Amino acid sequence: MTTQIEADVCQEACIHEQLVAKVKKELPPADQMFALSNLFKVLGDFTRIRILEALLSSELCVCDLVSVLDMNQSAVSHQLRVLRSSKIVKYRKEGKNVYYSLDDNHISLLIKQGLNHVLEGN
């Protein structure tokens, strides 16, 4: 019976040099991978994911988000600032209200694909 540790490591050392060279050449630059890592860190918060799921349905003002999420306004506003600074959501002002929406279609696709992945196992 193979243990988990045995399954995680090669039992025999070998390097597939051509494959390694090809993969190294195709890797994005470190600054791009760092930015991607930060994007996923921001997305890795339960409250922010709930906000994004709500915004998938419709543009919402902060008051609507507070009601949908059953949270206080300062907590929602804090999370919206984090999402806005990461260019995940955008906002517009209309009179005294602020309306939020997803920044672009890429964010929508990330959220939908992530949920599809989670549901795939069920």
PDB file of N, CA and C in Angstrom:
ATOM      1  N   MET A   1       0.841  -1.180   0.000  1.00  0.00           N
ATOM      2  CA  MET A   1       0.000   0.000   0.000  1.00  0.00           C
ATOM      3  C   MET A   1       0.892   1.251   0.000  1.00  0.00           C
ATOM      4  N   THR A   2       0.619   2.187  -0.899  1.00  0.00           N
ATOM      5  CA  THR A   2       1.397   3.418  -1.020  1.00  0.00           C
ATOM      6  C   THR A   2       0.897   4.438  -0.006  1.00  0.00           C
ATOM      7  N   THR A   3       1.832   5.017   0.744  1.00  0.00           N
ATOM      8  CA  THR A   3       1.454   6.061   1.698  1.00  0.00           C
ATOM      9  C   THR A   3       1.345   7.401   0.960  1.00  0.00           C
ATOM     10  N   GLN A   4       0.746   8.381   1.623  1.00  0.00           N
ATOM     11  CA  GLN A   4       0.601   9.711   1.024  1.00  0.00           C
ATOM     12  C   GLN A   4       1.957  10.325   0.720  1.00  0.00           C
ATOM     13  N   ILE A   5       2.923  10.143   1.615  1.00  0.00           N
ATOM     14  CA  ILE A   5       4.259  10.706   1.404  1.00  0.00           C
ATOM     15  C   ILE A   5       4.901  10.085   0.172  1.00  0.00           C
ATOM     16  N   GLU A   6       4.771   8.791   0.016  1.00  0.00           N
ATOM     17  CA  GLU A   6       5.333   8.117  -1.155  1.00  0.00           C
ATOM     18  C   GLU A   6       4.669   8.596  -2.440  1.00  0.00           C
ATOM     19  N   ALA A   7       3.399   8.914  -2.375  1.00  0.00           N
ATOM     20  CA  ALA A   7       2.684   9.377  -3.562  1.00  0.00           C
ATOM     21  C   ALA A   7       3.100  10.792  -3.952  1.00  0.00           C
ATOM     22  N   ASP A   8       3.647  11.560  -3.025  1.00  0.00           N
ATOM     23  CA  ASP A   8       4.003  12.953  -3.270  1.00  0.00           C
ATOM     24  C   ASP A   8       5.419  13.157  -3.786  1.00  0.00           C
ATOM     25  N   VAL A   9       6.222  12.124  -3.820  1.00  0.00           N
ATOM     26  CA  VAL A   9       7.610  12.266  -4.265  1.00  0.00           C
ATOM     27  C   VAL A   9       7.943  11.189  -5.290  1.00  0.00           C
ATOM     28  N   CYS A  10       8.910  11.516  -6.151  1.00  0.00           N
ATOM     29  CA  CYS A  10       9.413  10.511  -7.095  1.00  0.00           C
ATOM     30  C   CYS A  10      10.217   9.481  -6.315  1.00  0.00           C
ATOM     31  N   GLN A  11      10.046   8.236  -6.673  1.00  0.00           N
ATOM     32  CA  GLN A  11      10.808   7.167  -6.029  1.00  0.00           C
ATOM     33  C   GLN A  11      12.185   7.019  -6.668  1.00  0.00           C
ATOM     34  N   GLU A  12      12.341   7.569  -7.862  1.00  0.00           N
ATOM     35  CA  GLU A  12      13.602   7.527  -8.578  1.00  0.00           C
ATOM     36  C   GLU A  12      13.865   8.905  -9.162  1.00  0.00           C
ATOM     37  N   ALA A  13      15.041   9.456  -8.886  1.00  0.00           N
ATOM     38  CA  ALA A  13      15.380  10.789  -9.374  1.00  0.00           C
ATOM     39  C   ALA A  13      15.611  10.759 -10.888  1.00  0.00           C
ATOM     40  N   CYS A  14      14.944  11.647 -11.595  1.00  0.00           N
ATOM     41  CA  CYS A  14      15.135  11.789 -13.032  1.00  0.00           C
ATOM     42  C   CYS A  14      14.682  13.180 -13.445  1.00  0.00           C
ATOM     43  N   ILE A  15      15.333  13.767 -14.417  1.00  0.00           N
ATOM     44  CA  ILE A  15      14.954  15.084 -14.922  1.00  0.00           C
ATOM     45  C   ILE A  15      14.682  14.941 -16.413  1.00  0.00           C
ATOM     46  N   HIS A  16      13.524  15.376 -16.832  1.00  0.00           N
ATOM     47  CA  HIS A  16      13.156  15.379 -18.253  1.00  0.00           C
ATOM     48  C   HIS A  16      13.548  16.749 -18.796  1.00  0.00           C
ATOM     49  N   GLU A  17      14.799  16.863 -19.220  1.00  0.00           N
ATOM     50  CA  GLU A  17      15.406  18.156 -19.522  1.00  0.00           C
ATOM     51  C   GLU A  17      14.651  18.959 -20.578  1.00  0.00           C
ATOM     52  N   GLN A  18      14.203  18.319 -21.647  1.00  0.00           N
ATOM     53  CA  GLN A  18      13.488  19.057 -22.703  1.00  0.00           C
ATOM     54  C   GLN A  18      12.159  19.592 -22.178  1.00  0.00           C
ATOM     55  N   LEU A  19      11.464  18.783 -21.434  1.00  0.00           N
ATOM     56  CA  LEU A  19      10.188  19.206 -20.868  1.00  0.00           C
ATOM     57  C   LEU A  19      10.386  20.344 -19.866  1.00  0.00           C
ATOM     58  N   VAL A  20      11.390  20.226 -19.014  1.00  0.00           N
ATOM     59  CA  VAL A  20      11.686  21.268 -18.028  1.00  0.00           C
ATOM     60  C   VAL A  20      12.025  22.581 -18.739  1.00  0.00           C
ATOM     61  N   ALA A  21      12.844  22.516 -19.778  1.00  0.00           N
ATOM     62  CA  ALA A  21      13.220  23.726 -20.527  1.00  0.00           C
ATOM     63  C   ALA A  21      12.002  24.361 -21.175  1.00  0.00           C
ATOM     64  N   LYS A  22      11.118  23.543 -21.733  1.00  0.00           N
ATOM     65  CA  LYS A  22       9.894  24.055 -22.376  1.00  0.00           C
ATOM     66  C   LYS A  22       9.007  24.766 -21.350  1.00  0.00           C
ATOM     67  N   VAL A  23       8.807  24.134 -20.203  1.00  0.00           N
ATOM     68  CA  VAL A  23       7.941  24.710 -19.169  1.00  0.00           C
ATOM     69  C   VAL A  23       8.538  26.002 -18.629  1.00  0.00           C
ATOM     70  N   LYS A  24       9.848  26.018 -18.371  1.00  0.00           N
ATOM     71  CA  LYS A  24      10.502  27.238 -17.882  1.00  0.00           C
ATOM     72  C   LYS A  24      10.317  28.388 -18.864  1.00  0.00           C
ATOM     73  N   LYS A  25      10.422  28.085 -20.150  1.00  0.00           N
ATOM     74  CA  LYS A  25      10.283  29.111 -21.185  1.00  0.00           C
ATOM     75  C   LYS A  25       8.861  29.675 -21.219  1.00  0.00           C
ATOM     76  N   GLU A  26       7.871  28.840 -20.925  1.00  0.00           N
ATOM     77  CA  GLU A  26       6.461  29.243 -20.999  1.00  0.00           C
ATOM     78  C   GLU A  26       5.943  29.909 -19.731  1.00  0.00           C
ATOM     79  N   LEU A  27       6.695  29.823 -18.632  1.00  0.00           N
ATOM     80  CA  LEU A  27       6.241  30.443 -17.383  1.00  0.00           C
ATOM     81  C   LEU A  27       6.156  31.957 -17.548  1.00  0.00           C
ATOM     82  N   PRO A  28       5.083  32.564 -17.049  1.00  0.00           N
ATOM     83  CA  PRO A  28       5.001  34.032 -17.072  1.00  0.00           C
ATOM     84  C   PRO A  28       6.098  34.631 -16.190  1.00  0.00           C
ATOM     85  N   PRO A  29       6.431  35.893 -16.424  1.00  0.00           N
ATOM     86  CA  PRO A  29       7.423  36.564 -15.567  1.00  0.00           C
ATOM     87  C   PRO A  29       6.960  36.583 -14.106  1.00  0.00           C
ATOM     88  N   ALA A  30       7.922  36.645 -13.212  1.00  0.00           N
ATOM     89  CA  ALA A  30       7.635  36.591 -11.776  1.00  0.00           C
ATOM     90  C   ALA A  30       6.670  37.687 -11.334  1.00  0.00           C
ATOM     91  N   ASP A  31       6.786  38.898 -11.885  1.00  0.00           N
ATOM     92  CA  ASP A  31       5.892  39.980 -11.456  1.00  0.00           C
ATOM     93  C   ASP A  31       4.440  39.680 -11.829  1.00  0.00           C
ATOM     94  N   GLN A  32       4.225  39.012 -12.963  1.00  0.00           N
ATOM     95  CA  GLN A  32       2.860  38.631 -13.354  1.00  0.00           C
ATOM     96  C   GLN A  32       2.317  37.530 -12.444  1.00  0.00           C
ATOM     97  N   MET A  33       3.158  36.570 -12.091  1.00  0.00           N
ATOM     98  CA  MET A  33       2.709  35.499 -11.188  1.00  0.00           C
ATOM     99  C   MET A  33       2.447  36.059  -9.789  1.00  0.00           C
ATOM    100  N   PHE A  34       3.238  37.054  -9.374  1.00  0.00           N
ATOM    101  CA  PHE A  34       3.008  37.697  -8.084  1.00  0.00           C
ATOM    102  C   PHE A  34       1.657  38.416  -8.081  1.00  0.00           C
ATOM    103  N   ALA A  35       1.353  39.128  -9.163  1.00  0.00           N
ATOM    104  CA  ALA A  35       0.057  39.819  -9.279  1.00  0.00           C
ATOM    105  C   ALA A  35      -1.090  38.813  -9.267  1.00  0.00           C
ATOM    106  N   LEU A  36      -0.924  37.695  -9.941  1.00  0.00           N
ATOM    107  CA  LEU A  36      -1.955  36.649  -9.949  1.00  0.00           C
ATOM    108  C   LEU A  36      -2.143  36.065  -8.553  1.00  0.00           C
ATOM    109  N   SER A  37      -1.052  35.842  -7.869  1.00  0.00           N
ATOM    110  CA  SER A  37      -1.118  35.339  -6.500  1.00  0.00           C
ATOM    111  C   SER A  37      -1.890  36.308  -5.604  1.00  0.00           C
ATOM    112  N   ASN A  38      -1.626  37.596  -5.751  1.00  0.00           N
ATOM    113  CA  ASN A  38      -2.348  38.603  -4.956  1.00  0.00           C
ATOM    114  C   ASN A  38      -3.830  38.635  -5.297  1.00  0.00           C
ATOM    115  N   LEU A  39      -4.163  38.458  -6.572  1.00  0.00           N
ATOM    116  CA  LEU A  39      -5.570  38.399  -6.972  1.00  0.00           C
ATOM    117  C   LEU A  39      -6.280  37.273  -6.231  1.00  0.00           C
ATOM    118  N   PHE A  40      -5.667  36.094  -6.212  1.00  0.00           N
ATOM    119  CA  PHE A  40      -6.300  34.965  -5.536  1.00  0.00           C
ATOM    120  C   PHE A  40      -6.341  35.154  -4.022  1.00  0.00           C
ATOM    121  N   LYS A  41      -5.380  35.859  -3.452  1.00  0.00           N
ATOM    122  CA  LYS A  41      -5.442  36.167  -2.023  1.00  0.00           C
ATOM    123  C   LYS A  41      -6.672  37.018  -1.714  1.00  0.00           C
ATOM    124  N   VAL A  42      -6.907  38.020  -2.545  1.00  0.00           N
ATOM    125  CA  VAL A  42      -8.071  38.888  -2.334  1.00  0.00           C
ATOM    126  C   VAL A  42      -9.359  38.095  -2.512  1.00  0.00           C
ATOM    127  N   LEU A  43      -9.376  37.208  -3.494  1.00  0.00           N
ATOM    128  CA  LEU A  43     -10.572  36.393  -3.737  1.00  0.00           C
ATOM    129  C   LEU A  43     -10.772  35.329  -2.662  1.00  0.00           C
ATOM    130  N   GLY A  44      -9.742  35.061  -1.875  1.00  0.00           N
ATOM    131  CA  GLY A  44      -9.795  33.989  -0.895  1.00  0.00           C
ATOM    132  C   GLY A  44     -10.444  34.362   0.422  1.00  0.00           C
ATOM    133  N   ASP A  45     -11.376  35.284   0.403  1.00  0.00           N
ATOM    134  CA  ASP A  45     -12.060  35.714   1.618  1.00  0.00           C
ATOM    135  C   ASP A  45     -13.555  35.459   1.464  1.00  0.00           C
ATOM    136  N   PHE A  46     -14.157  34.802   2.436  1.00  0.00           N
ATOM    137  CA  PHE A  46     -15.567  34.406   2.375  1.00  0.00           C
ATOM    138  C   PHE A  46     -16.500  35.600   2.132  1.00  0.00           C
ATOM    139  N   THR A  47     -16.304  36.679   2.863  1.00  0.00           N
ATOM    140  CA  THR A  47     -17.184  37.850   2.703  1.00  0.00           C
ATOM    141  C   THR A  47     -17.029  38.461   1.317  1.00  0.00           C
ATOM    142  N   ARG A  48     -15.815  38.579   0.831  1.00  0.00           N
ATOM    143  CA  ARG A  48     -15.607  39.158  -0.498  1.00  0.00           C
ATOM    144  C   ARG A  48     -16.216  38.281  -1.584  1.00  0.00           C
ATOM    145  N   ILE A  49     -16.125  36.970  -1.426  1.00  0.00           N
ATOM    146  CA  ILE A  49     -16.757  36.069  -2.401  1.00  0.00           C
ATOM    147  C   ILE A  49     -18.274  36.253  -2.379  1.00  0.00           C
ATOM    148  N   ARG A  50     -18.852  36.426  -1.216  1.00  0.00           N
ATOM    149  CA  ARG A  50     -20.308  36.666  -1.121  1.00  0.00           C
ATOM    150  C   ARG A  50     -20.680  37.963  -1.838  1.00  0.00           C
ATOM    151  N   ILE A  51     -19.868  38.994  -1.657  1.00  0.00           N
ATOM    152  CA  ILE A  51     -20.124  40.263  -2.352  1.00  0.00           C
ATOM    153  C   ILE A  51     -20.066  40.058  -3.858  1.00  0.00           C
ATOM    154  N   LEU A  52     -19.048  39.353  -4.323  1.00  0.00           N
ATOM    155  CA  LEU A  52     -18.896  39.131  -5.763  1.00  0.00           C
ATOM    156  C   LEU A  52     -20.035  38.288  -6.320  1.00  0.00           C
ATOM    157  N   GLU A  53     -20.458  37.292  -5.576  1.00  0.00           N
ATOM    158  CA  GLU A  53     -21.610  36.486  -6.025  1.00  0.00           C
ATOM    159  C   GLU A  53     -22.851  37.366  -6.156  1.00  0.00           C
ATOM    160  N   ALA A  54     -23.058  38.266  -5.206  1.00  0.00           N
ATOM    161  CA  ALA A  54     -24.211  39.178  -5.290  1.00  0.00           C
ATOM    162  C   ALA A  54     -24.088  40.072  -6.516  1.00  0.00           C
ATOM    163  N   LEU A  55     -22.877  40.566  -6.783  1.00  0.00           N
ATOM    164  CA  LEU A  55     -22.675  41.469  -7.918  1.00  0.00           C
ATOM    165  C   LEU A  55     -22.715  40.744  -9.261  1.00  0.00           C
ATOM    166  N   LEU A  56     -22.607  39.425  -9.242  1.00  0.00           N
ATOM    167  CA  LEU A  56     -22.797  38.662 -10.486  1.00  0.00           C
ATOM    168  C   LEU A  56     -24.222  38.847 -10.998  1.00  0.00           C
ATOM    169  N   SER A  57     -25.157  38.972 -10.078  1.00  0.00           N
ATOM    170  CA  SER A  57     -26.564  39.103 -10.445  1.00  0.00           C
ATOM    171  C   SER A  57     -26.920  40.488 -10.936  1.00  0.00           C
ATOM    172  N   SER A  58     -26.339  41.501 -10.291  1.00  0.00           N
ATOM    173  CA  SER A  58     -26.738  42.864 -10.607  1.00  0.00           C
ATOM    174  C   SER A  58     -25.784  43.866  -9.984  1.00  0.00           C
ATOM    175  N   GLU A  59     -25.726  45.035 -10.592  1.00  0.00           N
ATOM    176  CA  GLU A  59     -25.077  46.174  -9.944  1.00  0.00           C
ATOM    177  C   GLU A  59     -25.909  46.489  -8.711  1.00  0.00           C
ATOM    178  N   LEU A  60     -25.241  46.762  -7.586  1.00  0.00           N
ATOM    179  CA  LEU A  60     -25.959  47.040  -6.347  1.00  0.00           C
ATOM    180  C   LEU A  60     -25.347  48.229  -5.635  1.00  0.00           C
ATOM    181  N   CYS A  61     -26.203  49.010  -4.971  1.00  0.00           N
ATOM    182  CA  CYS A  61     -25.675  50.078  -4.135  1.00  0.00           C
ATOM    183  C   CYS A  61     -25.228  49.463  -2.813  1.00  0.00           C
ATOM    184  N   VAL A  62     -24.445  50.207  -2.062  1.00  0.00           N
ATOM    185  CA  VAL A  62     -23.906  49.703  -0.803  1.00  0.00           C
ATOM    186  C   VAL A  62     -25.035  49.288   0.132  1.00  0.00           C
ATOM    187  N   CYS A  63     -26.103  50.065   0.201  1.00  0.00           N
ATOM    188  CA  CYS A  63     -27.240  49.729   1.075  1.00  0.00           C
ATOM    189  C   CYS A  63     -27.864  48.388   0.687  1.00  0.00           C
ATOM    190  N   ASP A  64     -27.966  48.130  -0.625  1.00  0.00           N
ATOM    191  CA  ASP A  64     -28.499  46.851  -1.090  1.00  0.00           C
ATOM    192  C   ASP A  64     -27.581  45.700  -0.682  1.00  0.00           C
ATOM    193  N   LEU A  65     -26.269  45.899  -0.825  1.00  0.00           N
ATOM    194  CA  LEU A  65     -25.315  44.858  -0.432  1.00  0.00           C
ATOM    195  C   LEU A  65     -25.409  44.572   1.064  1.00  0.00           C
ATOM    196  N   VAL A  66     -25.549  45.620   1.870  1.00  0.00           N
ATOM    197  CA  VAL A  66     -25.702  45.449   3.318  1.00  0.00           C
ATOM    198  C   VAL A  66     -26.910  44.574   3.611  1.00  0.00           C
ATOM    199  N   SER A  67     -28.005  44.826   2.909  1.00  0.00           N
ATOM    200  CA  SER A  67     -29.231  44.058   3.113  1.00  0.00           C
ATOM    201  C   SER A  67     -29.089  42.618   2.616  1.00  0.00           C
ATOM    202  N   VAL A  68     -28.525  42.437   1.436  1.00  0.00           N
ATOM    203  CA  VAL A  68     -28.344  41.091   0.870  1.00  0.00           C
ATOM    204  C   VAL A  68     -27.454  40.241   1.770  1.00  0.00           C
ATOM    205  N   LEU A  69     -26.372  40.825   2.261  1.00  0.00           N
ATOM    206  CA  LEU A  69     -25.383  40.077   3.035  1.00  0.00           C
ATOM    207  C   LEU A  69     -25.700  40.022   4.520  1.00  0.00           C
ATOM    208  N   ASP A  70     -26.682  40.830   4.959  1.00  0.00           N
ATOM    209  CA  ASP A  70     -27.052  40.918   6.370  1.00  0.00           C
ATOM    210  C   ASP A  70     -25.818  41.245   7.231  1.00  0.00           C
ATOM    211  N   MET A  71     -25.131  42.320   6.807  1.00  0.00           N
ATOM    212  CA  MET A  71     -23.928  42.784   7.495  1.00  0.00           C
ATOM    213  C   MET A  71     -24.064  44.275   7.749  1.00  0.00           C
ATOM    214  N   ASN A  72     -23.172  44.827   8.575  1.00  0.00           N
ATOM    215  CA  ASN A  72     -23.235  46.266   8.783  1.00  0.00           C
ATOM    216  C   ASN A  72     -22.482  46.992   7.662  1.00  0.00           C
ATOM    217  N   GLN A  73     -22.822  48.248   7.479  1.00  0.00           N
ATOM    218  CA  GLN A  73     -22.301  49.020   6.357  1.00  0.00           C
ATOM    219  C   GLN A  73     -20.787  49.201   6.411  1.00  0.00           C
ATOM    220  N   SER A  74     -20.229  49.383   7.597  1.00  0.00           N
ATOM    221  CA  SER A  74     -18.784  49.594   7.665  1.00  0.00           C
ATOM    222  C   SER A  74     -18.014  48.346   7.243  1.00  0.00           C
ATOM    223  N   ALA A  75     -18.513  47.168   7.598  1.00  0.00           N
ATOM    224  CA  ALA A  75     -17.845  45.925   7.204  1.00  0.00           C
ATOM    225  C   ALA A  75     -17.917  45.727   5.690  1.00  0.00           C
ATOM    226  N   VAL A  76     -19.075  45.983   5.108  1.00  0.00           N
ATOM    227  CA  VAL A  76     -19.235  45.858   3.656  1.00  0.00           C
ATOM    228  C   VAL A  76     -18.363  46.888   2.942  1.00  0.00           C
ATOM    229  N   SER A  77     -18.372  48.114   3.419  1.00  0.00           N
ATOM    230  CA  SER A  77     -17.569  49.173   2.799  1.00  0.00           C
ATOM    231  C   SER A  77     -16.083  48.840   2.844  1.00  0.00           C
ATOM    232  N   HIS A  78     -15.630  48.270   3.947  1.00  0.00           N
ATOM    233  CA  HIS A  78     -14.218  47.879   4.056  1.00  0.00           C
ATOM    234  C   HIS A  78     -13.864  46.848   2.977  1.00  0.00           C
ATOM    235  N   GLN A  79     -14.707  45.834   2.844  1.00  0.00           N
ATOM    236  CA  GLN A  79     -14.433  44.793   1.851  1.00  0.00           C
ATOM    237  C   GLN A  79     -14.521  45.351   0.428  1.00  0.00           C
ATOM    238  N   LEU A  80     -15.423  46.275   0.190  1.00  0.00           N
ATOM    239  CA  LEU A  80     -15.521  46.902  -1.132  1.00  0.00           C
ATOM    240  C   LEU A  80     -14.265  47.706  -1.460  1.00  0.00           C
ATOM    241  N   ARG A  81     -13.683  48.370  -0.451  1.00  0.00           N
ATOM    242  CA  ARG A  81     -12.424  49.106  -0.673  1.00  0.00           C
ATOM    243  C   ARG A  81     -11.304  48.157  -1.083  1.00  0.00           C
ATOM    244  N   VAL A  82     -11.243  47.000  -0.432  1.00  0.00           N
ATOM    245  CA  VAL A  82     -10.221  46.003  -0.784  1.00  0.00           C
ATOM    246  C   VAL A  82     -10.434  45.527  -2.215  1.00  0.00           C
ATOM    247  N   LEU A  83     -11.669  45.217  -2.560  1.00  0.00           N
ATOM    248  CA  LEU A  83     -11.981  44.744  -3.915  1.00  0.00           C
ATOM    249  C   LEU A  83     -11.718  45.827  -4.960  1.00  0.00           C
ATOM    250  N   ARG A  84     -12.053  47.043  -4.620  1.00  0.00           N
ATOM    251  CA  ARG A  84     -11.837  48.163  -5.559  1.00  0.00           C
ATOM    252  C   ARG A  84     -10.345  48.412  -5.771  1.00  0.00           C
ATOM    253  N   SER A  85      -9.568  48.387  -4.706  1.00  0.00           N
ATOM    254  CA  SER A  85      -8.130  48.645  -4.839  1.00  0.00           C
ATOM    255  C   SER A  85      -7.426  47.547  -5.638  1.00  0.00           C
ATOM    256  N   SER A  86      -8.023  46.371  -5.695  1.00  0.00           N
ATOM    257  CA  SER A  86      -7.465  45.262  -6.478  1.00  0.00           C
ATOM    258  C   SER A  86      -8.065  45.199  -7.885  1.00  0.00           C
ATOM    259  N   LYS A  87      -8.873  46.194  -8.229  1.00  0.00           N
ATOM    260  CA  LYS A  87      -9.506  46.276  -9.556  1.00  0.00           C
ATOM    261  C   LYS A  87     -10.402  45.080  -9.860  1.00  0.00           C
ATOM    262  N   ILE A  88     -11.111  44.630  -8.814  1.00  0.00           N
ATOM    263  CA  ILE A  88     -12.042  43.520  -8.959  1.00  0.00           C
ATOM    264  C   ILE A  88     -13.462  44.046  -9.104  1.00  0.00           C
ATOM    265  N   VAL A  89     -13.748  45.159  -8.435  1.00  0.00           N
ATOM    266  CA  VAL A  89     -15.038  45.832  -8.594  1.00  0.00           C
ATOM    267  C   VAL A  89     -14.785  47.284  -8.979  1.00  0.00           C
ATOM    268  N   LYS A  90     -15.804  47.874  -9.566  1.00  0.00           N
ATOM    269  CA  LYS A  90     -15.762  49.302  -9.885  1.00  0.00           C
ATOM    270  C   LYS A  90     -17.019  49.931  -9.306  1.00  0.00           C
ATOM    271  N   TYR A  91     -17.012  51.241  -9.225  1.00  0.00           N
ATOM    272  CA  TYR A  91     -18.172  51.914  -8.647  1.00  0.00           C
ATOM    273  C   TYR A  91     -18.521  53.147  -9.466  1.00  0.00           C
ATOM    274  N   ARG A  92     -19.737  53.584  -9.249  1.00  0.00           N
ATOM    275  CA  ARG A  92     -20.196  54.851  -9.815  1.00  0.00           C
ATOM    276  C   ARG A  92     -21.092  55.499  -8.777  1.00  0.00           C
ATOM    277  N   LYS A  93     -21.057  56.830  -8.768  1.00  0.00           N
ATOM    278  CA  LYS A  93     -21.904  57.577  -7.842  1.00  0.00           C
ATOM    279  C   LYS A  93     -23.122  58.074  -8.594  1.00  0.00           C
ATOM    280  N   GLU A  94     -24.247  57.981  -7.924  1.00  0.00           N
ATOM    281  CA  GLU A  94     -25.495  58.522  -8.450  1.00  0.00           C
ATOM    282  C   GLU A  94     -26.165  59.261  -7.295  1.00  0.00           C
ATOM    283  N   GLY A  95     -26.073  60.570  -7.337  1.00  0.00           N
ATOM    284  CA  GLY A  95     -26.583  61.357  -6.215  1.00  0.00           C
ATOM    285  C   GLY A  95     -25.777  61.048  -4.972  1.00  0.00           C
ATOM    286  N   LYS A  96     -26.472  60.634  -3.915  1.00  0.00           N
ATOM    287  CA  LYS A  96     -25.799  60.328  -2.654  1.00  0.00           C
ATOM    288  C   LYS A  96     -25.488  58.838  -2.502  1.00  0.00           C
ATOM    289  N   ASN A  97     -25.795  58.047  -3.517  1.00  0.00           N
ATOM    290  CA  ASN A  97     -25.574  56.600  -3.442  1.00  0.00           C
ATOM    291  C   ASN A  97     -24.382  56.175  -4.286  1.00  0.00           C
ATOM    292  N   VAL A  98     -23.755  55.084  -3.878  1.00  0.00           N
ATOM    293  CA  VAL A  98     -22.623  54.507  -4.598  1.00  0.00           C
ATOM    294  C   VAL A  98     -23.030  53.107  -5.044  1.00  0.00           C
ATOM    295  N   TYR A  99     -22.899  52.858  -6.345  1.00  0.00           N
ATOM    296  CA  TYR A  99     -23.269  51.574  -6.944  1.00  0.00           C
ATOM    297  C   TYR A  99     -22.014  50.816  -7.346  1.00  0.00           C
ATOM    298  N   TYR A 100     -21.996  49.520  -7.034  1.00  0.00           N
ATOM    299  CA  TYR A 100     -20.853  48.670  -7.349  1.00  0.00           C
ATOM    300  C   TYR A 100     -21.238  47.613  -8.374  1.00  0.00           C
ATOM    301  N   SER A 101     -20.252  47.265  -9.189  1.00  0.00           N
ATOM    302  CA  SER A 101     -20.397  46.173 -10.151  1.00  0.00           C
ATOM    303  C   SER A 101     -19.033  45.514 -10.318  1.00  0.00           C
ATOM    304  N   LEU A 102     -19.029  44.352 -10.951  1.00  0.00           N
ATOM    305  CA  LEU A 102     -17.761  43.679 -11.227  1.00  0.00           C
ATOM    306  C   LEU A 102     -16.975  44.515 -12.216  1.00  0.00           C
ATOM    307  N   ASP A 103     -15.667  44.541 -12.067  1.00  0.00           N
ATOM    308  CA  ASP A 103     -14.828  45.404 -12.893  1.00  0.00           C
ATOM    309  C   ASP A 103     -14.869  45.018 -14.362  1.00  0.00           C
ATOM    310  N   ASP A 104     -14.838  43.723 -14.655  1.00  0.00           N
ATOM    311  CA  ASP A 104     -14.904  43.288 -16.045  1.00  0.00           C
ATOM    312  C   ASP A 104     -15.348  41.835 -16.115  1.00  0.00           C
ATOM    313  N   ASN A 105     -15.476  41.337 -17.328  1.00  0.00           N
ATOM    314  CA  ASN A 105     -15.964  39.980 -17.545  1.00  0.00           C
ATOM    315  C   ASN A 105     -15.005  38.923 -16.990  1.00  0.00           C
ATOM    316  N   HIS A 106     -13.719  39.232 -16.885  1.00  0.00           N
ATOM    317  CA  HIS A 106     -12.769  38.258 -16.356  1.00  0.00           C
ATOM    318  C   HIS A 106     -13.126  37.864 -14.923  1.00  0.00           C
ATOM    319  N   ILE A 107     -13.545  38.824 -14.137  1.00  0.00           N
ATOM    320  CA  ILE A 107     -13.902  38.546 -12.744  1.00  0.00           C
ATOM    321  C   ILE A 107     -15.116  37.631 -12.703  1.00  0.00           C
ATOM    322  N   SER A 108     -16.095  37.928 -13.536  1.00  0.00           N
ATOM    323  CA  SER A 108     -17.286  37.076 -13.621  1.00  0.00           C
ATOM    324  C   SER A 108     -16.903  35.646 -13.986  1.00  0.00           C
ATOM    325  N   LEU A 109     -16.024  35.499 -14.959  1.00  0.00           N
ATOM    326  CA  LEU A 109     -15.593  34.164 -15.386  1.00  0.00           C
ATOM    327  C   LEU A 109     -14.850  33.433 -14.266  1.00  0.00           C
ATOM    328  N   LEU A 110     -13.976  34.147 -13.547  1.00  0.00           N
ATOM    329  CA  LEU A 110     -13.249  33.523 -12.437  1.00  0.00           C
ATOM    330  C   LEU A 110     -14.210  32.975 -11.383  1.00  0.00           C
ATOM    331  N   ILE A 111     -15.188  33.778 -11.012  1.00  0.00           N
ATOM    332  CA  ILE A 111     -16.133  33.369  -9.978  1.00  0.00           C
ATOM    333  C   ILE A 111     -16.972  32.188 -10.463  1.00  0.00           C
ATOM    334  N   LYS A 112     -17.489  32.284 -11.678  1.00  0.00           N
ATOM    335  CA  LYS A 112     -18.321  31.200 -12.222  1.00  0.00           C
ATOM    336  C   LYS A 112     -17.532  29.911 -12.382  1.00  0.00           C
ATOM    337  N   GLN A 113     -16.310  30.002 -12.901  1.00  0.00           N
ATOM    338  CA  GLN A 113     -15.485  28.804 -13.079  1.00  0.00           C
ATOM    339  C   GLN A 113     -15.112  28.191 -11.729  1.00  0.00           C
ATOM    340  N   GLY A 114     -14.804  29.039 -10.760  1.00  0.00           N
ATOM    341  CA  GLY A 114     -14.480  28.536  -9.430  1.00  0.00           C
ATOM    342  C   GLY A 114     -15.645  27.792  -8.823  1.00  0.00           C
ATOM    343  N   LEU A 115     -16.840  28.347  -8.938  1.00  0.00           N
ATOM    344  CA  LEU A 115     -18.023  27.678  -8.391  1.00  0.00           C
ATOM    345  C   LEU A 115     -18.303  26.387  -9.151  1.00  0.00           C
ATOM    346  N   ASN A 116     -18.134  26.398 -10.461  1.00  0.00           N
ATOM    347  CA  ASN A 116     -18.309  25.165 -11.242  1.00  0.00           C
ATOM    348  C   ASN A 116     -17.344  24.088 -10.768  1.00  0.00           C
ATOM    349  N   HIS A 117     -16.119  24.474 -10.479  1.00  0.00           N
ATOM    350  CA  HIS A 117     -15.133  23.512  -9.986  1.00  0.00           C
ATOM    351  C   HIS A 117     -15.573  22.925  -8.644  1.00  0.00           C
ATOM    352  N   VAL A 118     -16.066  23.780  -7.742  1.00  0.00           N
ATOM    353  CA  VAL A 118     -16.525  23.327  -6.438  1.00  0.00           C
ATOM    354  C   VAL A 118     -17.717  22.382  -6.593  1.00  0.00           C
ATOM    355  N   LEU A 119     -18.651  22.721  -7.471  1.00  0.00           N
ATOM    356  CA  LEU A 119     -19.855  21.901  -7.654  1.00  0.00           C
ATOM    357  C   LEU A 119     -19.576  20.583  -8.373  1.00  0.00           C
ATOM    358  N   GLU A 120     -18.491  20.535  -9.121  1.00  0.00           N
ATOM    359  CA  GLU A 120     -18.132  19.339  -9.880  1.00  0.00           C
ATOM    360  C   GLU A 120     -17.961  18.117  -8.985  1.00  0.00           C
ATOM    361  N   GLY A 121     -17.447  18.326  -7.796  1.00  0.00           N
ATOM    362  CA  GLY A 121     -17.219  17.222  -6.865  1.00  0.00           C
ATOM    363  C   GLY A 121     -18.472  16.740  -6.173  1.00  0.00           C
ATOM    364  N   ASN A 122     -19.560  17.471  -6.267  1.00  0.00           N
ATOM    365  CA  ASN A 122     -20.811  17.088  -5.563  1.00  0.00           C
ATOM    366  C   ASN A 122     -21.676  16.199  -6.389  1.00  0.00           C
TER     367      ASN A 122
END
